Amino acid sequence: MPLPWRLCPRAQLAGLIGIFTDVDDTLTRDGAIEPVALRALHALRDAGLPVVAVTGRPMGWSRPFARDWPLEAIVAENGAVALRRDAAAPEGLRIDYLQDEATRRENAQRLQAVAQRILHELPQARLAQDSAGRVTDIAIDHAEHAHLADAQIARVVALMREAGMSATVSSIHVNGWYGDHGKWSGACWALQLLHGRDLQAEVGRWLFVGDSTNDQVMFERFALSVGVANLRRFAPQLSVWPAYLADGERGEGFAEVAAAVLAARERR
């Protein structure tokens, strides 16, 4: 089990050079960023600590937040799309895709075929309401605007994997896509895009904050990993826990982490 976040050594926090974070139920509540989390993001940016969000949310959903939130970038669709501010780009936003246009076009038909099979076999299943903004994956809603039981969620995952897809379960959606990318590879890709640097070589100086089973790959890779308190609801499904657990849930937990990081930097 993780240690309480307050036990994290200040010396480790003082040496951090940035933060990666999940979005839904880590920064947000009911789909909207919590004010305390937004204030924490501003404080981190003002202190010169970059924050990169890595999420299963789609490219279309991420566009306004990549522009408006004080983030260095958003890596959307579980590592397939990177969005960042760029004054020279249309709408002030640069969008990079992991897969080329031909691959995305070919996969789109396969993705829709799997989606239709899931909806046919599970009449209770619903596509996520943000599906119109997706370009590289599909998402089935299990806890945002619809509800699926654990057995139904497991069946959705099984159908995706039977079709040769990667599949993960977040706090709100079941996401499926073609390709071997994911949150960790997306984080590595983002740092290379942003700064030409190798995350694997400097991962000890970055921190990750998350809330769900699909963050386990990040908990495993980051020695400094923190779960916001609502991660506890997934305890039966977790095989990898973060190193630490915040006292607060969602945005409160993220703000708690940010405050400790900033305090450690001030005291160094």
Protein backbone atom coordinates (compact mmCIF):
# COMPACT_ATOMS: atom_id res chain seq x y z
CA MET A 1 0.00 0.00 0.00
CA PRO A 2 1.20 3.56 -0.65
CA LEU A 3 2.56 5.81 2.06
CA PRO A 4 0.74 9.00 3.07
CA TRP A 5 1.86 11.87 0.83
CA ARG A 6 2.98 13.96 3.81
CA LEU A 7 5.78 11.40 4.41
CA CYS A 8 7.42 12.07 1.04
CA PRO A 9 10.96 13.41 1.71
CA ARG A 10 11.30 17.10 0.94
CA ALA A 11 14.71 16.53 -0.64
CA GLN A 12 13.09 14.44 -3.37
CA LEU A 13 10.49 17.09 -4.05
CA ALA A 14 13.01 19.93 -4.15
CA GLY A 15 14.83 18.32 -7.06
CA LEU A 16 11.79 17.90 -9.30
CA ILE A 17 11.85 19.47 -12.75
CA GLY A 18 8.22 18.84 -13.71
CA ILE A 19 4.95 17.00 -13.20
CA PHE A 20 2.86 14.69 -15.35
CA THR A 21 -0.79 14.32 -14.36
CA ASP A 22 -3.99 12.59 -15.31
CA VAL A 23 -7.02 14.84 -15.89
CA ASP A 24 -10.41 13.26 -15.07
CA ASP A 25 -11.00 12.89 -11.33
CA THR A 26 -7.42 14.06 -10.71
CA LEU A 27 -7.82 17.70 -11.76
CA THR A 28 -11.56 17.61 -12.36
CA ARG A 29 -14.87 16.74 -10.75
CA ASP A 30 -17.86 15.87 -12.96
CA GLY A 31 -15.87 16.91 -16.04
CA ALA A 32 -14.93 20.43 -14.87
CA ILE A 33 -11.58 21.45 -13.45
CA GLU A 34 -11.78 22.20 -9.74
CA PRO A 35 -10.83 25.78 -8.87
CA VAL A 36 -8.26 24.63 -6.33
CA ALA A 37 -6.55 22.50 -9.01
CA LEU A 38 -6.55 25.39 -11.48
CA ARG A 39 -4.94 27.65 -8.87
CA ALA A 40 -2.33 24.97 -8.24
CA LEU A 41 -1.53 24.75 -11.94
CA HIS A 42 -1.03 28.51 -12.10
CA ALA A 43 1.25 28.41 -9.05
CA LEU A 44 3.36 25.62 -10.56
CA ARG A 45 3.70 27.49 -13.85
CA ASP A 46 4.66 30.70 -12.05
CA ALA A 47 7.35 28.75 -10.19
CA GLY A 48 8.78 27.45 -13.47
CA LEU A 49 7.61 23.86 -13.01
CA PRO A 50 6.03 22.52 -16.22
CA VAL A 51 2.94 20.33 -15.99
CA VAL A 52 1.97 17.95 -18.80
CA ALA A 53 -1.45 16.28 -18.70
CA VAL A 54 -1.78 12.73 -20.07
CA THR A 55 -5.38 11.63 -20.58
CA GLY A 56 -7.72 9.28 -22.36
CA ARG A 57 -9.90 12.23 -23.34
CA PRO A 58 -10.11 13.00 -27.08
CA MET A 59 -8.32 15.55 -29.18
CA GLY A 60 -11.49 17.60 -29.70
CA TRP A 61 -12.29 17.80 -25.99
CA SER A 62 -8.68 18.73 -25.17
CA ARG A 63 -8.35 21.67 -27.59
CA PRO A 64 -9.75 24.49 -25.42
CA PHE A 65 -8.00 23.23 -22.29
CA ALA A 66 -4.62 22.95 -24.01
CA ARG A 67 -5.09 26.61 -24.92
CA ASP A 68 -6.56 27.93 -21.68
CA TRP A 69 -5.15 25.91 -18.79
CA PRO A 70 -1.59 26.69 -17.59
CA LEU A 71 -0.23 23.40 -18.92
CA GLU A 72 2.81 22.88 -21.09
CA ALA A 73 0.88 20.33 -23.15
CA ILE A 74 -1.96 17.83 -23.12
CA VAL A 75 -1.28 14.34 -24.41
CA ALA A 76 -4.72 13.05 -25.38
CA GLU A 77 -6.22 9.71 -26.47
CA ASN A 78 -3.82 7.72 -24.27
CA GLY A 79 -0.64 8.89 -25.95
CA ALA A 80 -1.75 9.34 -29.56
CA VAL A 81 -2.22 13.13 -29.85
CA ALA A 82 -0.21 16.00 -28.36
CA LEU A 83 -1.61 19.53 -28.10
CA ARG A 84 0.37 22.64 -27.06
CA ARG A 85 0.15 26.38 -27.41
CA ASP A 86 1.92 27.85 -30.44
CA ALA A 87 1.30 31.45 -31.45
CA ALA A 88 2.30 30.68 -35.04
CA ALA A 89 -0.19 27.80 -35.42
CA PRO A 90 -3.86 28.09 -36.43
CA GLU A 91 -5.97 29.07 -33.40
CA GLY A 92 -2.72 29.33 -31.43
CA LEU A 93 -2.56 25.58 -30.98
CA ARG A 94 -0.16 23.01 -32.41
CA ILE A 95 -1.43 19.42 -32.73
CA ASP A 96 0.88 16.47 -33.35
CA TYR A 97 -0.28 12.92 -34.11
CA LEU A 98 1.61 9.76 -33.27
CA GLN A 99 0.02 7.95 -36.23
CA ASP A 100 0.17 9.28 -39.77
CA GLU A 101 -3.01 10.29 -41.60
CA ALA A 102 -3.23 7.09 -43.66
CA THR A 103 -3.01 4.94 -40.53
CA ARG A 104 -5.65 7.02 -38.75
CA ARG A 105 -7.97 6.77 -41.75
CA GLU A 106 -7.54 2.99 -42.00
CA ASN A 107 -8.03 2.48 -38.27
CA ALA A 108 -11.16 4.66 -38.16
CA GLN A 109 -13.22 2.02 -40.00
CA ARG A 110 -11.93 -0.77 -37.76
CA LEU A 111 -12.66 1.25 -34.63
CA GLN A 112 -16.24 1.90 -35.66
CA ALA A 113 -16.80 -1.77 -36.46
CA VAL A 114 -15.69 -2.76 -32.96
CA ALA A 115 -17.82 -0.01 -31.43
CA GLN A 116 -20.91 -1.29 -33.25
CA ARG A 117 -20.20 -4.86 -32.10
CA ILE A 118 -19.96 -3.70 -28.47
CA LEU A 119 -23.19 -1.73 -28.70
CA HIS A 120 -24.93 -4.72 -30.30
CA GLU A 121 -23.74 -7.28 -27.74
CA LEU A 122 -24.23 -5.01 -24.74
CA PRO A 123 -27.47 -3.02 -25.16
CA GLN A 124 -26.69 -1.11 -21.95
CA ALA A 125 -23.42 0.22 -23.40
CA ARG A 126 -23.16 3.78 -24.67
CA LEU A 127 -20.45 5.59 -26.56
CA ALA A 128 -18.86 8.36 -24.52
CA GLN A 129 -20.47 11.74 -25.16
CA ASP A 130 -17.09 13.13 -26.24
CA SER A 131 -16.80 10.56 -29.04
CA ALA A 132 -17.21 13.12 -31.82
CA GLY A 133 -13.81 14.57 -30.90
CA ARG A 134 -11.94 11.27 -31.10
CA VAL A 135 -9.52 10.56 -33.93
CA THR A 136 -7.55 7.46 -32.87
CA ASP A 137 -9.70 5.50 -30.41
CA ILE A 138 -13.19 4.67 -29.16
CA ALA A 139 -14.58 5.14 -25.66
CA ILE A 140 -17.47 3.42 -23.91
CA ASP A 141 -18.97 5.33 -21.00
CA HIS A 142 -19.16 3.36 -17.76
CA ALA A 143 -19.41 6.11 -15.11
CA GLU A 144 -19.70 9.62 -16.59
CA HIS A 145 -23.21 9.82 -18.09
CA ALA A 146 -24.01 6.10 -18.12
CA HIS A 147 -23.33 3.16 -15.82
CA LEU A 148 -21.97 -0.31 -16.48
CA ALA A 149 -21.51 -3.05 -13.90
CA ASP A 150 -18.05 -4.53 -13.38
CA ALA A 151 -18.91 -7.63 -15.44
CA GLN A 152 -20.09 -5.44 -18.32
CA ILE A 153 -16.93 -3.35 -18.18
CA ALA A 154 -14.87 -6.54 -18.30
CA ARG A 155 -16.85 -7.70 -21.35
CA VAL A 156 -16.19 -4.42 -23.16
CA VAL A 157 -12.47 -4.80 -22.49
CA ALA A 158 -12.57 -8.41 -23.69
CA LEU A 159 -14.34 -7.48 -26.95
CA MET A 160 -11.79 -4.76 -27.65
CA ARG A 161 -8.87 -7.08 -27.02
CA GLU A 162 -10.44 -9.86 -29.10
CA ALA A 163 -10.39 -7.36 -31.98
CA GLY A 164 -6.65 -6.80 -31.50
CA MET A 165 -7.01 -3.47 -29.71
CA SER A 166 -5.28 -2.09 -26.65
CA ALA A 167 -7.85 -1.37 -23.94
CA THR A 168 -7.81 0.40 -20.58
CA VAL A 169 -10.37 1.42 -17.99
CA SER A 170 -10.32 4.96 -16.59
CA SER A 171 -12.52 6.36 -13.84
CA ILE A 172 -15.21 7.17 -16.43
CA HIS A 173 -14.56 5.35 -19.75
CA VAL A 174 -13.30 2.16 -21.32
CA ASN A 175 -10.89 3.23 -24.05
CA GLY A 176 -9.76 1.07 -26.97
CA TRP A 177 -7.33 1.77 -29.81
CA TYR A 178 -5.07 0.16 -32.39
CA GLY A 179 -1.37 0.49 -31.61
CA ASP A 180 0.98 -0.27 -28.75
CA HIS A 181 1.13 3.30 -27.40
CA GLY A 182 -0.18 4.28 -23.99
CA LYS A 183 0.19 6.86 -21.26
CA TRP A 184 3.85 6.11 -20.57
CA SER A 185 4.94 6.14 -24.20
CA GLY A 186 2.83 9.27 -24.70
CA ALA A 187 4.63 11.02 -21.85
CA CYS A 188 8.00 10.04 -23.35
CA TRP A 189 6.91 11.25 -26.79
CA ALA A 190 5.67 14.55 -25.35
CA LEU A 191 8.94 15.36 -23.60
CA GLN A 192 10.83 14.56 -26.79
CA LEU A 193 8.50 16.84 -28.78
CA LEU A 194 8.66 19.67 -26.27
CA HIS A 195 12.32 19.67 -25.33
CA GLY A 196 14.14 16.93 -27.26
CA ARG A 197 14.78 15.07 -24.00
CA ASP A 198 14.55 11.44 -22.91
CA LEU A 199 12.04 10.92 -20.10
CA GLN A 200 13.41 7.47 -19.29
CA ALA A 201 16.80 9.02 -18.54
CA GLU A 202 15.40 11.66 -16.17
CA VAL A 203 12.20 10.08 -14.84
CA GLY A 204 13.53 10.28 -11.29
CA ARG A 205 13.17 14.06 -11.44
CA TRP A 206 9.52 14.00 -12.54
CA LEU A 207 6.38 13.26 -10.54
CA PHE A 208 3.12 11.69 -11.70
CA VAL A 209 -0.34 12.18 -10.18
CA GLY A 210 -3.27 9.91 -11.08
CA ASP A 211 -6.52 8.39 -9.88
CA SER A 212 -7.44 5.17 -11.67
CA THR A 213 -6.49 1.71 -12.91
CA ASN A 214 -5.28 3.06 -16.25
CA ASP A 215 -2.64 5.06 -14.36
CA GLN A 216 -0.92 1.91 -13.11
CA VAL A 217 1.64 1.97 -15.93
CA MET A 218 2.64 5.44 -14.73
CA PHE A 219 2.71 4.45 -11.05
CA GLU A 220 5.08 1.67 -12.03
CA ARG A 221 7.44 3.91 -14.03
CA PHE A 222 7.63 6.94 -11.72
CA ALA A 223 9.41 6.48 -8.40
CA LEU A 224 7.63 9.66 -7.31
CA SER A 225 4.01 8.77 -8.05
CA VAL A 226 0.96 9.94 -6.13
CA GLY A 227 -2.64 8.84 -6.18
CA VAL A 228 -5.36 11.30 -5.19
CA ALA A 229 -7.48 9.83 -2.42
CA ASN A 230 -10.34 8.69 -4.68
CA LEU A 231 -7.93 6.09 -6.11
CA ARG A 232 -9.01 3.95 -3.15
CA ARG A 233 -12.30 3.16 -4.89
CA PHE A 234 -10.30 1.05 -7.38
CA ALA A 235 -8.43 -0.92 -4.69
CA PRO A 236 -9.87 -4.32 -5.76
CA GLN A 237 -8.70 -3.77 -9.36
CA LEU A 238 -5.23 -2.38 -8.62
CA SER A 239 -2.13 -4.52 -8.96
CA VAL A 240 0.27 -1.53 -8.95
CA TRP A 241 -0.14 1.26 -6.42
CA PRO A 242 1.56 4.66 -6.45
CA ALA A 243 4.37 5.32 -3.98
CA TYR A 244 2.19 7.82 -2.09
CA LEU A 245 -1.47 8.65 -1.53
CA ALA A 246 -2.78 12.19 -1.03
CA ASP A 247 -5.24 12.95 1.74
CA GLY A 248 -7.53 14.91 -0.59
CA GLU A 249 -9.66 13.67 -3.46
CA ARG A 250 -9.53 14.91 -7.06
CA GLY A 251 -8.46 18.55 -7.40
CA GLU A 252 -7.94 18.89 -3.66
CA GLY A 253 -5.46 16.03 -3.77
CA PHE A 254 -3.62 17.51 -6.74
CA ALA A 255 -3.42 20.89 -4.98
CA GLU A 256 -2.05 19.16 -1.89
CA VAL A 257 0.74 17.64 -3.99
CA ALA A 258 1.49 20.93 -5.74
CA ALA A 259 1.71 22.82 -2.43
CA ALA A 260 4.22 20.33 -1.00
CA VAL A 261 6.37 20.49 -4.14
CA LEU A 262 6.40 24.29 -4.12
CA ALA A 263 7.16 24.45 -0.38
CA ALA A 264 10.10 22.06 -0.82
CA ARG A 265 11.52 24.19 -3.63
CA GLU A 266 11.28 27.34 -1.52
CA ARG A 267 13.26 25.72 1.32
CA ARG A 268 16.10 24.30 -0.73
